[in-house]
Structure formats: structure tokens, C-alpha cells
Amino acid sequence: MGEDDMSTIRKVDPNNYNIPMKGNSMLHRNLEWYATEDDKILGVVLQDLIDKDYSWVMLTDTPEDTPGFCAVNMDSSLSSQEEATRILHKEMLEYHKGMGG
């Protein structure tokens, strides 16, 4: 994946999207949020505060008649935040290409 590929993904503020924030803040922490340039795909990197490992979740727009986003892919038990971010970006770009992006 070249440097140009990463330009289609940027860090974002999750408060700018219709995402219900559920979960127990004593169990995990959201570290970084990302979006494709067209905002069709979002991704979050998380840290498990119990196991001290990392995860990521990829979200896409729900159908037009349903507001918000839904999870379409995820991975867990990764050893570092950098690894989780790298894999998330790769998966977001591949999914985006599959959508015709």
C-alpha cells in the first residue's frame, strides 16, 4: 500500500456522525476514529483495558431509510495500536474499492 493510498483515509471526530456510543468505558477505550474521504466508511481503533490488547471495527452507512452506521468487519487481540491501525486502514481501503470508491 503506497503513501497515496492512505490519503483516502483521515482522522475524524466521531461526534460528527450518527453513531450510538455503547459499551462499558471500564472495559475498552476508543483511541482513534477514521473515515474515507467520502465518509462512506468509518473505522475505530480500540484498546481492551482488561487484556491490554487492541481491536478495530469498520462501519458503513446503513440503508437510506435507517439513520446511522453498522459494523461490517472487525478484528481483536492485536498486539499494538499501530498494528490495529495499519490493518484497519488496509481493510477500509479494500472495502471502499469493492464499493466502487
N, C-alpha and C. Protein backbone atom coordinates (compact mmCIF):
# COMPACT_ATOMS: atom_id res chain seq x y z
N MET A 1 0.85 -1.16 0.00
CA MET A 1 0.00 0.00 0.00
C MET A 1 0.90 1.22 0.00
N GLY A 2 0.77 2.04 -1.02
CA GLY A 2 1.60 3.22 -1.13
C GLY A 2 1.09 4.36 -0.29
N GLU A 3 1.90 5.38 -0.16
CA GLU A 3 1.54 6.55 0.63
C GLU A 3 0.29 7.23 0.08
N ASP A 4 0.13 7.23 -1.25
CA ASP A 4 -1.04 7.84 -1.86
C ASP A 4 -2.33 7.16 -1.42
N ASP A 5 -2.29 5.83 -1.20
CA ASP A 5 -3.48 5.10 -0.77
C ASP A 5 -4.00 5.62 0.56
N MET A 6 -3.11 6.02 1.46
CA MET A 6 -3.52 6.46 2.77
C MET A 6 -4.23 7.81 2.73
N SER A 7 -4.08 8.56 1.63
CA SER A 7 -4.70 9.88 1.55
C SER A 7 -6.22 9.79 1.49
N THR A 8 -6.78 8.60 1.22
CA THR A 8 -8.23 8.46 1.18
C THR A 8 -8.82 8.21 2.57
N ILE A 9 -7.97 8.10 3.57
CA ILE A 9 -8.43 7.90 4.94
C ILE A 9 -7.89 9.03 5.80
N ARG A 10 -8.77 9.57 6.66
CA ARG A 10 -8.36 10.67 7.52
C ARG A 10 -8.90 10.45 8.92
N LYS A 11 -8.26 11.05 9.91
CA LYS A 11 -8.77 11.02 11.28
C LYS A 11 -10.00 11.91 11.36
N VAL A 12 -10.98 11.49 12.16
CA VAL A 12 -12.22 12.25 12.30
C VAL A 12 -12.67 12.28 13.76
N ASP A 13 -13.60 13.17 14.03
CA ASP A 13 -14.25 13.27 15.33
C ASP A 13 -15.55 12.48 15.25
N PRO A 14 -15.73 11.43 16.07
CA PRO A 14 -16.93 10.61 15.97
C PRO A 14 -18.21 11.38 16.30
N ASN A 15 -18.10 12.50 16.96
CA ASN A 15 -19.28 13.31 17.28
C ASN A 15 -19.91 13.92 16.04
N ASN A 16 -19.20 13.90 14.91
CA ASN A 16 -19.73 14.44 13.67
C ASN A 16 -20.61 13.42 12.92
N TYR A 17 -20.79 12.23 13.48
CA TYR A 17 -21.53 11.16 12.82
C TYR A 17 -22.61 10.64 13.76
N ASN A 18 -23.62 10.00 13.19
CA ASN A 18 -24.72 9.43 13.97
C ASN A 18 -24.32 8.01 14.41
N ILE A 19 -23.51 7.95 15.47
CA ILE A 19 -23.01 6.67 15.97
C ILE A 19 -23.38 6.54 17.44
N PRO A 20 -24.26 5.59 17.77
CA PRO A 20 -24.57 5.41 19.19
C PRO A 20 -23.33 4.88 19.92
N MET A 21 -22.92 5.55 20.97
CA MET A 21 -21.75 5.14 21.73
C MET A 21 -22.20 4.22 22.87
N LYS A 22 -22.06 2.92 22.62
CA LYS A 22 -22.45 1.94 23.62
C LYS A 22 -21.21 1.22 24.11
N GLY A 23 -21.33 0.56 25.21
CA GLY A 23 -20.22 -0.19 25.74
C GLY A 23 -19.82 0.33 27.11
N ASN A 24 -19.00 -0.41 27.76
CA ASN A 24 -18.56 -0.09 29.11
C ASN A 24 -17.17 0.55 29.04
N SER A 25 -17.08 1.82 29.44
CA SER A 25 -15.81 2.54 29.37
C SER A 25 -14.76 1.97 30.33
N MET A 26 -15.16 1.09 31.21
CA MET A 26 -14.19 0.45 32.10
C MET A 26 -13.55 -0.77 31.41
N LEU A 27 -14.13 -1.20 30.28
CA LEU A 27 -13.62 -2.37 29.58
C LEU A 27 -12.79 -2.02 28.35
N HIS A 28 -13.14 -0.93 27.69
CA HIS A 28 -12.40 -0.56 26.48
C HIS A 28 -12.38 0.96 26.32
N ARG A 29 -11.43 1.41 25.51
CA ARG A 29 -11.28 2.85 25.23
C ARG A 29 -11.15 3.03 23.73
N ASN A 30 -11.94 3.95 23.17
CA ASN A 30 -11.81 4.32 21.76
C ASN A 30 -10.57 5.20 21.64
N LEU A 31 -9.64 4.80 20.79
CA LEU A 31 -8.38 5.54 20.65
C LEU A 31 -8.37 6.49 19.47
N GLU A 32 -8.79 6.01 18.31
CA GLU A 32 -8.74 6.82 17.09
C GLU A 32 -9.91 6.47 16.20
N TRP A 33 -10.47 7.50 15.56
CA TRP A 33 -11.54 7.31 14.58
C TRP A 33 -11.03 7.78 13.22
N TYR A 34 -11.43 7.06 12.16
CA TYR A 34 -11.02 7.36 10.79
C TYR A 34 -12.24 7.31 9.87
N ALA A 35 -12.12 7.98 8.72
CA ALA A 35 -13.16 7.92 7.69
C ALA A 35 -12.51 7.99 6.32
N THR A 36 -13.18 7.39 5.34
CA THR A 36 -12.76 7.58 3.96
C THR A 36 -13.16 9.01 3.57
N GLU A 37 -12.56 9.53 2.51
CA GLU A 37 -12.82 10.91 2.11
C GLU A 37 -14.29 11.18 1.84
N ASP A 38 -15.03 10.16 1.39
CA ASP A 38 -16.46 10.34 1.10
C ASP A 38 -17.35 10.01 2.30
N ASP A 39 -16.76 9.69 3.44
CA ASP A 39 -17.47 9.37 4.68
C ASP A 39 -18.37 8.14 4.57
N LYS A 40 -18.15 7.29 3.58
CA LYS A 40 -18.96 6.08 3.45
C LYS A 40 -18.50 4.97 4.38
N ILE A 41 -17.24 5.03 4.81
CA ILE A 41 -16.70 4.00 5.70
C ILE A 41 -16.01 4.69 6.87
N LEU A 42 -16.35 4.25 8.08
CA LEU A 42 -15.70 4.73 9.29
C LEU A 42 -14.95 3.58 9.93
N GLY A 43 -13.94 3.89 10.72
CA GLY A 43 -13.22 2.86 11.45
C GLY A 43 -12.77 3.41 12.79
N VAL A 44 -12.73 2.53 13.78
CA VAL A 44 -12.27 2.91 15.11
C VAL A 44 -11.26 1.89 15.60
N VAL A 45 -10.22 2.40 16.25
CA VAL A 45 -9.22 1.55 16.92
C VAL A 45 -9.50 1.65 18.41
N LEU A 46 -9.56 0.50 19.07
CA LEU A 46 -9.89 0.44 20.49
C LEU A 46 -8.80 -0.29 21.26
N GLN A 47 -8.73 -0.01 22.55
CA GLN A 47 -7.86 -0.77 23.44
C GLN A 47 -8.72 -1.47 24.47
N ASP A 48 -8.50 -2.76 24.63
CA ASP A 48 -9.15 -3.55 25.67
C ASP A 48 -8.41 -3.26 26.96
N LEU A 49 -9.08 -2.68 27.93
CA LEU A 49 -8.42 -2.27 29.17
C LEU A 49 -8.19 -3.44 30.13
N ILE A 50 -8.82 -4.57 29.89
CA ILE A 50 -8.60 -5.75 30.71
C ILE A 50 -7.41 -6.55 30.19
N ASP A 51 -7.44 -6.89 28.90
CA ASP A 51 -6.39 -7.71 28.28
C ASP A 51 -5.20 -6.90 27.81
N LYS A 52 -5.36 -5.57 27.71
CA LYS A 52 -4.29 -4.67 27.24
C LYS A 52 -3.89 -4.95 25.79
N ASP A 53 -4.86 -5.44 24.99
CA ASP A 53 -4.59 -5.60 23.57
C ASP A 53 -5.47 -4.63 22.79
N TYR A 54 -5.45 -4.73 21.46
CA TYR A 54 -6.09 -3.73 20.61
C TYR A 54 -7.04 -4.40 19.62
N SER A 55 -8.03 -3.63 19.19
CA SER A 55 -9.03 -4.09 18.24
C SER A 55 -9.35 -2.98 17.27
N TRP A 56 -10.07 -3.33 16.20
CA TRP A 56 -10.61 -2.32 15.30
C TRP A 56 -11.97 -2.78 14.82
N VAL A 57 -12.79 -1.79 14.46
CA VAL A 57 -14.13 -2.05 13.93
C VAL A 57 -14.32 -1.14 12.72
N MET A 58 -14.86 -1.70 11.63
CA MET A 58 -15.16 -0.93 10.44
C MET A 58 -16.68 -0.81 10.32
N LEU A 59 -17.15 0.42 10.04
CA LEU A 59 -18.58 0.71 9.95
C LEU A 59 -18.90 1.31 8.57
N THR A 60 -20.12 1.06 8.09
CA THR A 60 -20.58 1.69 6.86
C THR A 60 -21.96 2.28 7.09
N ASP A 61 -22.36 3.16 6.17
CA ASP A 61 -23.71 3.73 6.21
C ASP A 61 -24.74 2.63 6.22
N THR A 62 -25.80 2.84 6.97
CA THR A 62 -26.95 1.93 6.91
C THR A 62 -27.77 2.32 5.68
N PRO A 63 -28.75 1.51 5.29
CA PRO A 63 -29.59 1.88 4.14
C PRO A 63 -30.23 3.26 4.34
N GLU A 64 -30.61 3.89 3.24
CA GLU A 64 -31.11 5.27 3.28
C GLU A 64 -32.24 5.50 4.27
N ASP A 65 -33.11 4.52 4.47
CA ASP A 65 -34.25 4.72 5.36
C ASP A 65 -33.91 4.49 6.83
N THR A 66 -32.65 4.14 7.13
CA THR A 66 -32.21 3.91 8.51
C THR A 66 -31.01 4.81 8.79
N PRO A 67 -31.15 5.73 9.76
CA PRO A 67 -30.01 6.62 10.04
C PRO A 67 -28.87 5.88 10.75
N GLY A 68 -27.65 6.33 10.51
CA GLY A 68 -26.52 5.81 11.26
C GLY A 68 -25.61 4.90 10.47
N PHE A 69 -24.82 4.12 11.22
CA PHE A 69 -23.81 3.22 10.66
C PHE A 69 -23.96 1.85 11.29
N CYS A 70 -23.45 0.82 10.61
CA CYS A 70 -23.45 -0.53 11.18
C CYS A 70 -22.07 -1.16 10.96
N ALA A 71 -21.70 -2.05 11.85
CA ALA A 71 -20.41 -2.73 11.76
C ALA A 71 -20.44 -3.76 10.63
N VAL A 72 -19.35 -3.78 9.83
CA VAL A 72 -19.26 -4.74 8.73
C VAL A 72 -18.02 -5.62 8.83
N ASN A 73 -17.05 -5.25 9.68
CA ASN A 73 -15.84 -6.05 9.83
C ASN A 73 -15.14 -5.63 11.12
N MET A 74 -14.39 -6.55 11.70
CA MET A 74 -13.65 -6.23 12.92
C MET A 74 -12.57 -7.26 13.15
N ASP A 75 -11.64 -6.92 14.04
CA ASP A 75 -10.59 -7.85 14.45
C ASP A 75 -10.21 -7.48 15.87
N SER A 76 -9.70 -8.45 16.61
CA SER A 76 -9.35 -8.20 18.02
C SER A 76 -8.08 -8.95 18.39
N SER A 77 -7.64 -8.73 19.61
CA SER A 77 -6.45 -9.39 20.18
C SER A 77 -5.18 -9.06 19.41
N LEU A 78 -5.08 -7.81 18.94
CA LEU A 78 -3.87 -7.38 18.24
C LEU A 78 -2.88 -6.81 19.25
N SER A 79 -1.60 -6.94 18.96
CA SER A 79 -0.58 -6.64 19.96
C SER A 79 -0.26 -5.15 20.13
N SER A 80 -0.61 -4.31 19.13
CA SER A 80 -0.27 -2.90 19.25
C SER A 80 -1.31 -2.02 18.56
N GLN A 81 -1.35 -0.78 18.96
CA GLN A 81 -2.24 0.19 18.33
C GLN A 81 -1.83 0.39 16.87
N GLU A 82 -0.55 0.41 16.61
CA GLU A 82 -0.05 0.59 15.25
C GLU A 82 -0.51 -0.54 14.34
N GLU A 83 -0.43 -1.78 14.84
CA GLU A 83 -0.88 -2.92 14.05
C GLU A 83 -2.38 -2.82 13.77
N ALA A 84 -3.16 -2.49 14.78
CA ALA A 84 -4.61 -2.35 14.60
C ALA A 84 -4.92 -1.27 13.57
N THR A 85 -4.24 -0.14 13.65
CA THR A 85 -4.48 0.96 12.72
C THR A 85 -4.09 0.57 11.30
N ARG A 86 -2.95 -0.07 11.14
CA ARG A 86 -2.49 -0.49 9.81
C ARG A 86 -3.49 -1.45 9.16
N ILE A 87 -3.94 -2.45 9.91
CA ILE A 87 -4.88 -3.42 9.36
C ILE A 87 -6.23 -2.76 9.07
N LEU A 88 -6.70 -1.91 9.97
CA LEU A 88 -7.95 -1.20 9.75
C LEU A 88 -7.90 -0.39 8.46
N HIS A 89 -6.84 0.39 8.26
CA HIS A 89 -6.71 1.20 7.05
C HIS A 89 -6.73 0.31 5.80
N LYS A 90 -6.00 -0.78 5.84
CA LYS A 90 -5.97 -1.72 4.70
C LYS A 90 -7.37 -2.25 4.40
N GLU A 91 -8.09 -2.67 5.43
CA GLU A 91 -9.44 -3.21 5.25
C GLU A 91 -10.41 -2.14 4.77
N MET A 92 -10.28 -0.92 5.28
CA MET A 92 -11.16 0.17 4.84
C MET A 92 -10.95 0.46 3.36
N LEU A 93 -9.69 0.50 2.92
CA LEU A 93 -9.39 0.78 1.52
C LEU A 93 -9.89 -0.33 0.61
N GLU A 94 -9.72 -1.60 1.02
CA GLU A 94 -10.19 -2.71 0.21
C GLU A 94 -11.72 -2.71 0.11
N TYR A 95 -12.38 -2.44 1.22
CA TYR A 95 -13.85 -2.40 1.22
C TYR A 95 -14.33 -1.25 0.33
N HIS A 96 -13.66 -0.11 0.43
CA HIS A 96 -14.03 1.07 -0.36
C HIS A 96 -13.88 0.78 -1.85
N LYS A 97 -12.79 0.11 -2.23
CA LYS A 97 -12.60 -0.26 -3.64
C LYS A 97 -13.71 -1.19 -4.11
N GLY A 98 -14.13 -2.12 -3.25
CA GLY A 98 -15.21 -3.03 -3.57
C GLY A 98 -16.55 -2.34 -3.73
N MET A 99 -16.69 -1.17 -3.13
CA MET A 99 -17.92 -0.37 -3.26
C MET A 99 -17.87 0.50 -4.51
N GLY A 100 -16.76 0.44 -5.22
CA GLY A 100 -16.62 1.27 -6.41
C GLY A 100 -15.99 2.61 -6.12
N GLY A 101 -15.39 2.75 -4.90
CA GLY A 101 -14.80 4.02 -4.49
C GLY A 101 -13.41 4.23 -4.96
